[in-house]
Protein backbone atom coordinates (compact mmCIF):
# COMPACT_ATOMS: atom_id res chain seq x y z
CA MET A 1 0.32 -0.20 -0.13
CA THR A 2 1.26 3.54 -0.92
CA ALA A 3 1.59 6.32 1.92
CA GLU A 4 -0.99 7.99 -0.77
CA GLU A 5 -3.70 5.23 -0.34
CA ARG A 6 -2.91 4.71 3.24
CA ASN A 7 -3.40 8.44 4.38
CA LYS A 8 -6.99 8.00 2.32
CA LEU A 9 -7.93 5.21 4.25
CA GLU A 10 -6.86 7.14 7.67
CA ASN A 11 -8.79 10.44 6.13
CA LYS A 12 -11.98 8.18 5.76
CA ALA A 13 -11.35 6.52 9.21
CA LYS A 14 -11.20 9.66 11.13
CA GLU A 15 -14.32 11.28 9.36
CA GLY A 16 -16.06 7.70 10.65
CA LEU A 17 -15.16 8.45 13.94
CA ASN A 18 -16.39 12.36 13.67
CA GLY A 19 -19.60 12.75 15.04
CA THR A 20 -19.94 9.55 17.38
CA VAL A 21 -20.44 9.42 21.18
CA TRP A 22 -18.33 6.96 23.23
CA GLU A 23 -19.63 5.86 27.45
CA ILE A 24 -16.67 4.71 28.92
CA ASN A 25 -16.01 3.63 32.25
CA LEU A 26 -12.07 4.73 33.40
CA ALA A 27 -10.35 3.51 35.71
CA GLU A 28 -7.20 4.37 37.51
CA MET A 29 -4.26 2.05 36.75
CA ALA A 30 -2.81 1.36 40.60
CA SER A 31 0.42 -0.11 41.38
CA GLY A 32 1.73 -2.10 44.13
CA GLU A 33 0.28 -4.67 46.35
CA GLY A 34 -3.02 -4.99 46.36
CA ALA A 35 -3.53 -3.06 43.37
CA GLN A 36 -6.59 -4.25 42.06
CA SER A 37 -8.77 -3.31 45.11
CA LYS A 38 -7.33 0.29 44.97
CA LYS A 39 -8.87 0.95 41.50
CA LYS A 40 -11.32 3.72 40.91
CA GLU A 41 -13.61 3.65 38.19
CA THR A 42 -15.58 6.62 37.06
CA ALA A 43 -18.02 7.09 33.96
CA GLU A 44 -17.00 9.15 31.82
CA THR A 45 -18.22 10.24 28.12
CA LEU A 46 -15.82 10.85 25.12
CA TYR A 47 -17.36 13.11 22.19
CA PHE A 48 -15.85 13.36 18.77
CA GLU A 49 -17.05 16.41 17.08
CA ASN A 50 -15.93 19.15 14.74
CA LEU A 51 -12.74 16.40 14.21
CA GLN A 52 -12.10 16.81 18.10
CA VAL A 53 -12.21 14.95 20.98
CA ARG A 54 -13.10 15.95 24.52
CA MET A 55 -14.68 14.40 27.86
CA GLN A 56 -16.19 16.26 30.34
CA GLY A 57 -14.72 15.64 33.41
CA MET A 58 -11.49 16.49 31.91
CA LEU A 59 -13.16 19.98 30.04
CA ASP A 60 -13.81 20.92 33.73
CA LYS A 61 -10.39 20.94 34.59
CA GLY A 62 -9.63 23.06 32.08
CA PHE A 63 -8.53 20.51 29.66
CA ASN A 64 -9.97 21.97 25.74
CA PRO A 65 -11.20 19.83 22.54
CA THR A 66 -8.25 19.08 20.49
CA ASN A 67 -7.22 17.71 16.82
CA TYR A 68 -6.64 13.67 17.35
CA THR A 69 -4.77 11.63 14.81
CA ILE A 70 -5.74 8.48 13.24
CA ARG A 71 -3.75 4.95 12.67
CA LEU A 72 -4.41 1.99 10.97
CA LYS A 73 -2.89 -1.43 12.53
CA GLY A 74 -3.32 -4.88 12.65
CA LYS A 75 -4.55 -7.35 9.40
CA ASP A 76 -6.00 -5.78 6.55
CA ASN A 77 -5.43 -2.56 8.71
CA ALA A 78 -8.57 -3.18 10.69
CA ILE A 79 -7.60 -2.00 13.85
CA ILE A 80 -8.39 2.10 14.27
CA VAL A 81 -6.10 3.87 16.31
CA TRP A 82 -6.62 7.70 17.61
CA GLU A 83 -4.70 9.93 19.68
CA THR A 84 -4.41 13.35 20.99
CA MET A 85 -2.73 15.59 23.58
CA GLN A 86 -4.70 17.82 25.91
CA THR A 87 -3.12 20.78 27.86
CA SER A 88 -4.50 22.93 30.79
CA GLU A 89 -2.81 26.08 32.33
CA ASP A 90 -2.97 25.25 35.61
CA LYS A 91 -3.93 20.79 35.29
CA GLY A 92 -0.77 19.61 33.53
CA ILE A 93 -1.14 17.38 29.98
CA ALA A 94 -3.01 14.65 29.47
CA PHE A 95 -2.11 11.72 26.67
CA TRP A 96 -4.94 10.10 25.33
CA ARG A 97 -4.64 6.69 23.02
CA GLY A 98 -7.70 4.80 22.25
CA GLN A 99 -8.34 1.77 19.70
CA PHE A 100 -11.49 -0.19 18.33
CA GLU A 101 -12.11 -2.51 15.39
CA LYS A 102 -13.73 -1.41 11.97
CA GLY A 103 -17.70 -1.91 12.41
CA SER A 104 -17.24 -2.36 16.11
CA LYS A 105 -19.11 -0.52 18.75
CA SER A 106 -16.58 -1.23 21.22
CA MET A 107 -13.66 0.84 21.81
CA ARG A 108 -10.38 0.66 24.78
CA GLY A 109 -7.36 2.59 25.71
CA VAL A 110 -5.36 4.85 28.35
CA LEU A 111 -5.05 8.15 29.73
CA SER A 112 -1.93 9.64 31.31
CA TRP A 113 -2.35 12.70 33.20
CA HIS A 114 0.96 14.48 33.77
CA LEU A 115 -0.09 16.82 36.74
CA ASP A 116 3.52 18.43 36.77
CA GLU A 117 6.89 17.20 36.06
CA ASN A 118 6.98 14.54 39.05
CA LYS A 119 3.59 13.19 39.31
CA LYS A 120 1.30 11.81 36.82
CA ILE A 121 -1.94 9.26 37.13
CA ASP A 122 -2.62 6.51 34.80
CA TYR A 123 -5.70 5.45 33.57
CA SER A 124 -7.34 2.30 31.21
CA PHE A 125 -10.65 2.67 29.60
CA LYS A 126 -13.29 0.72 28.10
CA GLY A 127 -16.85 1.47 26.89
CA THR A 128 -19.22 1.20 23.72
CA GLN A 129 -20.65 3.80 21.37
CA LYS A 130 -23.60 5.51 22.42
CA GLU A 131 -26.89 5.38 20.20
CA ILE A 132 -27.55 8.67 18.56
CA ALA A 133 -31.34 9.05 17.96
CA PRO A 134 -31.51 11.25 14.74
CA GLU A 135 -33.36 14.65 14.55
CA VAL A 136 -36.57 15.14 13.93
CA LYS A 137 -37.69 18.15 12.64
CA PRO A 138 -41.50 19.36 13.44
CA VAL A 139 -43.80 19.74 10.59
CA ALA A 140 -44.97 23.53 10.28
CA GLU A 141 -48.51 23.85 10.28
CA ALA A 142 -50.74 26.17 7.84
CA PRO A 143 -51.29 29.65 9.14
CA ALA A 144 -55.24 29.78 9.82
CA PRO A 145 -57.00 32.01 7.34
CA THR A 146 -57.63 35.16 8.73
CA VAL A 147 -60.95 37.27 8.77
CA ALA A 148 -59.89 39.55 5.94
CA ALA A 149 -59.11 36.66 3.65
CA GLU A 150 -62.03 35.05 4.27
CA GLU A 151 -64.30 38.46 3.60
CA ALA A 152 -61.97 38.67 0.30
CA ALA A 153 -62.81 35.30 -0.94
CA VAL A 154 -66.55 36.01 -0.17
CA GLN A 155 -66.30 38.87 -2.50
CA GLU A 156 -64.67 37.29 -5.15
CA VAL A 157 -67.84 35.44 -5.62
CA PRO A 158 -70.90 36.44 -7.14
CA ALA A 159 -73.55 36.84 -5.30
CA THR A 160 -76.39 35.40 -7.11
CA ALA A 161 -76.48 33.35 -10.69
CA ALA A 162 -77.96 36.82 -12.49
CA GLU A 163 -75.09 38.72 -11.41
CA ALA A 164 -72.53 35.96 -13.06
CA GLY A 165 -74.22 36.05 -16.04
CA LYS A 166 -73.72 39.59 -16.40
CA GLU A 167 -69.88 39.37 -15.63
CA ALA A 168 -70.13 36.68 -18.07
CA VAL A 169 -71.64 39.31 -20.88
CA ALA A 170 -69.36 42.51 -20.22
CA GLN A 171 -66.51 39.83 -20.53
CA GLU A 172 -67.26 39.42 -23.85
CA LYS A 173 -65.40 41.84 -26.38
CA PRO A 174 -66.62 42.59 -29.83
CA PRO A 175 -64.77 41.02 -33.04
CA ALA A 176 -61.84 43.03 -33.85
CA GLN A 177 -62.16 45.47 -36.78
CA VAL A 178 -59.61 45.55 -39.36
CA PRO A 179 -58.30 49.47 -39.22
CA GLY A 180 -59.49 51.96 -42.05
CA LYS A 181 -62.02 49.49 -43.26
CA VAL A 182 -65.50 49.91 -43.12
CA GLU A 183 -68.28 47.76 -43.87
CA ALA A 184 -70.99 48.87 -45.88
CA PRO A 185 -74.45 48.33 -44.63
CA LYS A 186 -76.16 45.16 -46.59
CA LYS A 187 -79.15 45.95 -49.19
CA GLU A 188 -82.15 43.92 -48.33
CA ALA A 189 -82.95 42.09 -52.11
CA LYS A 190 -86.01 43.38 -53.48
CA PRO A 191 -88.75 41.06 -54.86
CA ARG A 192 -89.41 41.09 -58.74
CA PRO A 193 -92.69 42.49 -60.17
CA LYS A 194 -94.50 39.24 -61.67
CA TRP A 195 -94.89 41.11 -64.95
CA MET A 196 -91.12 40.80 -65.87
CA PHE A 197 -91.28 36.51 -65.33
CA TRP A 198 -94.06 36.54 -68.24
CA ARG A 199 -93.29 36.13 -71.96
CA ARG A 200 -95.11 35.66 -74.52
């Protein structure tokens, strides 16, 4: 696969992730003896929108949405890996990495929160894609006819059949005449006298 072909596939995967919402369980990765019992889990939501990613819990700490990158790995490039880095003025730096298979609605990953140079907290997370119901726009109702419109409609209808006949006659136009030509009145034929038909 050429670099151009891979770039097209990664852009397609990035656009496919955009607009999705994932409900995750964020668990602190404790170390040392009894680490399993010391894990703390928090329910969070990841939002991928406008080609950026955000989580409300980190947003409240000053970590604004950031752009994310996409890498493909595995057989047939079936695994999609996304990564981003978010910064806060007084809460340090957060490194995110998540992955899921194409067509899957399950995701897992890690969050490494560096509060300063000497302190960091690592988290793992698992989650599923949230189904978003399509937005249904209400159908606009036609406005009710006003009193003025009803009165205008009544005035357009003739009051009686006689008035309707008058209007029809008034609309009839006389036949057009050719300019400069005046037709002479027709003369009635006079009957011939009987003696004109008698001959010897």
